[in-house]
Amino acid sequence: MATMQHLELIEALRSLSRRQREVVVLRYYAELSEAEIAETLHIAAGSVKKYASRGLQNLRNVLEKMEVDS
C-alpha cells in the first residue's frame, strides 16, 4: 500500500510545472528554507512562496482526483 501511495505521489509531482516541482521538492523533501530555495533557484523569496502554494494546491487536486478515479 505504501508503495502505491509513493507511486501516486511521484505521478502527482510530475504533473506540476517544473518550477512548482522544484520548489515543493526542495522545501518539503530537502527541507530547505524559502531563502535557501530562492538563492538556489535564483528567484525572489516571494516567488518561492507563490510556487510552493500553487504547487501544493495542484498536488492536492491531482491526488484527490486519483483517489476518486480509483
N, C-alpha and C. Protein backbone atom coordinates (compact mmCIF):
# COMPACT_ATOMS: atom_id res chain seq x y z
N MET A 1 0.82 -1.20 0.00
CA MET A 1 0.00 0.00 0.00
C MET A 1 0.86 1.25 0.00
N ALA A 2 1.90 1.28 0.84
CA ALA A 2 2.76 2.46 0.88
C ALA A 2 3.45 2.68 -0.46
N THR A 3 3.78 1.59 -1.14
CA THR A 3 4.42 1.71 -2.44
C THR A 3 3.48 2.36 -3.45
N MET A 4 2.20 1.99 -3.42
CA MET A 4 1.22 2.58 -4.33
C MET A 4 1.08 4.07 -4.04
N GLN A 5 1.03 4.43 -2.77
CA GLN A 5 0.93 5.85 -2.41
C GLN A 5 2.17 6.61 -2.88
N HIS A 6 3.32 5.98 -2.75
CA HIS A 6 4.56 6.61 -3.19
C HIS A 6 4.53 6.84 -4.71
N LEU A 7 4.08 5.85 -5.45
CA LEU A 7 4.00 5.98 -6.91
C LEU A 7 2.98 7.05 -7.31
N GLU A 8 1.87 7.12 -6.59
CA GLU A 8 0.87 8.16 -6.89
C GLU A 8 1.43 9.55 -6.62
N LEU A 9 2.20 9.69 -5.55
CA LEU A 9 2.81 10.97 -5.23
C LEU A 9 3.80 11.38 -6.31
N ILE A 10 4.61 10.44 -6.77
CA ILE A 10 5.56 10.73 -7.84
C ILE A 10 4.82 11.16 -9.10
N GLU A 11 3.76 10.46 -9.43
CA GLU A 11 2.97 10.82 -10.61
C GLU A 11 2.36 12.22 -10.44
N ALA A 12 1.87 12.51 -9.25
CA ALA A 12 1.29 13.83 -8.99
C ALA A 12 2.36 14.92 -9.10
N LEU A 13 3.55 14.65 -8.57
CA LEU A 13 4.64 15.63 -8.68
C LEU A 13 5.00 15.89 -10.14
N ARG A 14 4.96 14.86 -10.95
CA ARG A 14 5.27 15.03 -12.37
C ARG A 14 4.25 15.91 -13.08
N SER A 15 3.06 16.00 -12.52
CA SER A 15 2.02 16.81 -13.16
C SER A 15 2.23 18.31 -12.91
N LEU A 16 3.07 18.65 -11.94
CA LEU A 16 3.33 20.06 -11.63
C LEU A 16 4.23 20.69 -12.69
N SER A 17 4.19 22.00 -12.76
CA SER A 17 5.16 22.69 -13.62
C SER A 17 6.55 22.43 -13.05
N ARG A 18 7.55 22.59 -13.88
CA ARG A 18 8.93 22.35 -13.44
C ARG A 18 9.27 23.17 -12.20
N ARG A 19 8.94 24.44 -12.21
CA ARG A 19 9.30 25.32 -11.10
C ARG A 19 8.53 24.95 -9.83
N GLN A 20 7.25 24.64 -9.96
CA GLN A 20 6.48 24.22 -8.79
C GLN A 20 7.08 22.95 -8.20
N ARG A 21 7.41 22.01 -9.05
CA ARG A 21 8.00 20.74 -8.60
C ARG A 21 9.33 20.99 -7.88
N GLU A 22 10.17 21.84 -8.47
CA GLU A 22 11.46 22.14 -7.84
C GLU A 22 11.27 22.72 -6.45
N VAL A 23 10.39 23.70 -6.34
CA VAL A 23 10.18 24.36 -5.05
C VAL A 23 9.59 23.40 -4.03
N VAL A 24 8.60 22.64 -4.41
CA VAL A 24 7.97 21.70 -3.47
C VAL A 24 8.98 20.66 -3.00
N VAL A 25 9.75 20.11 -3.90
CA VAL A 25 10.74 19.09 -3.52
C VAL A 25 11.82 19.70 -2.62
N LEU A 26 12.31 20.86 -2.97
CA LEU A 26 13.35 21.49 -2.15
C LEU A 26 12.82 21.87 -0.77
N ARG A 27 11.57 22.32 -0.72
CA ARG A 27 11.01 22.78 0.55
C ARG A 27 10.64 21.61 1.47
N TYR A 28 9.94 20.64 0.94
CA TYR A 28 9.35 19.60 1.79
C TYR A 28 10.12 18.29 1.83
N TYR A 29 11.02 18.07 0.89
CA TYR A 29 11.84 16.85 0.93
C TYR A 29 13.27 17.17 1.32
N ALA A 30 13.83 18.22 0.74
CA ALA A 30 15.19 18.62 1.09
C ALA A 30 15.20 19.52 2.33
N GLU A 31 14.01 19.98 2.73
CA GLU A 31 13.83 20.82 3.92
C GLU A 31 14.66 22.10 3.89
N LEU A 32 14.77 22.71 2.70
CA LEU A 32 15.44 24.00 2.59
C LEU A 32 14.48 25.10 3.01
N SER A 33 15.03 26.20 3.50
CA SER A 33 14.21 27.36 3.83
C SER A 33 13.82 28.09 2.55
N GLU A 34 12.85 28.99 2.67
CA GLU A 34 12.45 29.78 1.50
C GLU A 34 13.64 30.58 0.96
N ALA A 35 14.45 31.12 1.86
CA ALA A 35 15.63 31.90 1.44
C ALA A 35 16.64 31.02 0.70
N GLU A 36 16.85 29.80 1.20
CA GLU A 36 17.79 28.89 0.54
C GLU A 36 17.28 28.47 -0.85
N ILE A 37 15.98 28.26 -0.95
CA ILE A 37 15.41 27.89 -2.25
C ILE A 37 15.53 29.06 -3.22
N ALA A 38 15.24 30.25 -2.75
CA ALA A 38 15.34 31.44 -3.60
C ALA A 38 16.77 31.59 -4.13
N GLU A 39 17.73 31.40 -3.26
CA GLU A 39 19.13 31.51 -3.66
C GLU A 39 19.52 30.39 -4.64
N THR A 40 19.08 29.18 -4.35
CA THR A 40 19.41 28.03 -5.19
C THR A 40 18.84 28.18 -6.60
N LEU A 41 17.59 28.64 -6.68
CA LEU A 41 16.91 28.73 -7.96
C LEU A 41 17.03 30.11 -8.62
N HIS A 42 17.68 31.03 -7.92
CA HIS A 42 17.87 32.40 -8.42
C HIS A 42 16.53 33.07 -8.72
N ILE A 43 15.62 32.97 -7.72
CA ILE A 43 14.32 33.63 -7.82
C ILE A 43 14.06 34.38 -6.52
N ALA A 44 13.07 35.26 -6.53
CA ALA A 44 12.72 36.03 -5.34
C ALA A 44 12.04 35.13 -4.30
N ALA A 45 12.19 35.51 -3.03
CA ALA A 45 11.56 34.74 -1.95
C ALA A 45 10.04 34.72 -2.12
N GLY A 46 9.46 35.81 -2.59
CA GLY A 46 8.02 35.84 -2.85
C GLY A 46 7.61 34.84 -3.90
N SER A 47 8.47 34.63 -4.88
CA SER A 47 8.19 33.63 -5.92
C SER A 47 8.21 32.23 -5.34
N VAL A 48 9.11 31.99 -4.39
CA VAL A 48 9.17 30.69 -3.74
C VAL A 48 7.83 30.41 -3.05
N LYS A 49 7.32 31.40 -2.33
CA LYS A 49 6.04 31.24 -1.65
C LYS A 49 4.92 30.97 -2.64
N LYS A 50 4.93 31.70 -3.75
CA LYS A 50 3.88 31.53 -4.77
C LYS A 50 3.94 30.13 -5.37
N TYR A 51 5.13 29.69 -5.78
CA TYR A 51 5.27 28.37 -6.39
C TYR A 51 4.93 27.26 -5.40
N ALA A 52 5.32 27.42 -4.14
CA ALA A 52 5.01 26.41 -3.13
C ALA A 52 3.51 26.32 -2.90
N SER A 53 2.87 27.46 -2.76
CA SER A 53 1.44 27.48 -2.52
C SER A 53 0.66 26.86 -3.67
N ARG A 54 0.97 27.30 -4.87
CA ARG A 54 0.27 26.77 -6.05
C ARG A 54 0.61 25.30 -6.28
N GLY A 55 1.86 24.94 -6.05
CA GLY A 55 2.27 23.56 -6.23
C GLY A 55 1.55 22.62 -5.28
N LEU A 56 1.44 23.03 -4.00
CA LEU A 56 0.75 22.19 -3.02
C LEU A 56 -0.74 22.07 -3.36
N GLN A 57 -1.35 23.17 -3.80
CA GLN A 57 -2.76 23.11 -4.19
C GLN A 57 -2.95 22.19 -5.39
N ASN A 58 -2.06 22.28 -6.36
CA ASN A 58 -2.16 21.40 -7.52
C ASN A 58 -1.95 19.94 -7.13
N LEU A 59 -1.02 19.69 -6.21
CA LEU A 59 -0.81 18.32 -5.72
C LEU A 59 -2.08 17.78 -5.06
N ARG A 60 -2.69 18.61 -4.21
CA ARG A 60 -3.94 18.18 -3.57
C ARG A 60 -4.99 17.82 -4.61
N ASN A 61 -5.15 18.69 -5.60
CA ASN A 61 -6.16 18.45 -6.64
C ASN A 61 -5.90 17.15 -7.39
N VAL A 62 -4.65 16.93 -7.78
CA VAL A 62 -4.30 15.73 -8.54
C VAL A 62 -4.50 14.48 -7.68
N LEU A 63 -4.05 14.52 -6.42
CA LEU A 63 -4.18 13.36 -5.55
C LEU A 63 -5.65 13.06 -5.23
N GLU A 64 -6.46 14.10 -5.05
CA GLU A 64 -7.90 13.90 -4.83
C GLU A 64 -8.54 13.26 -6.06
N LYS A 65 -8.16 13.72 -7.24
CA LYS A 65 -8.71 13.14 -8.46
C LYS A 65 -8.29 11.67 -8.60
N MET A 66 -7.05 11.37 -8.26
CA MET A 66 -6.59 9.98 -8.31
C MET A 66 -7.41 9.10 -7.36
N GLU A 67 -7.70 9.66 -6.18
CA GLU A 67 -8.48 8.90 -5.19
C GLU A 67 -9.89 8.63 -5.70
N VAL A 68 -10.50 9.62 -6.31
CA VAL A 68 -11.86 9.47 -6.84
C VAL A 68 -11.88 8.48 -8.00
N ASP A 69 -10.86 8.54 -8.84
CA ASP A 69 -10.79 7.68 -10.02
C ASP A 69 -10.48 6.22 -9.69
N SER A 70 -9.93 5.97 -8.51
CA SER A 70 -9.55 4.59 -8.19
C SER A 70 -10.65 3.79 -7.55
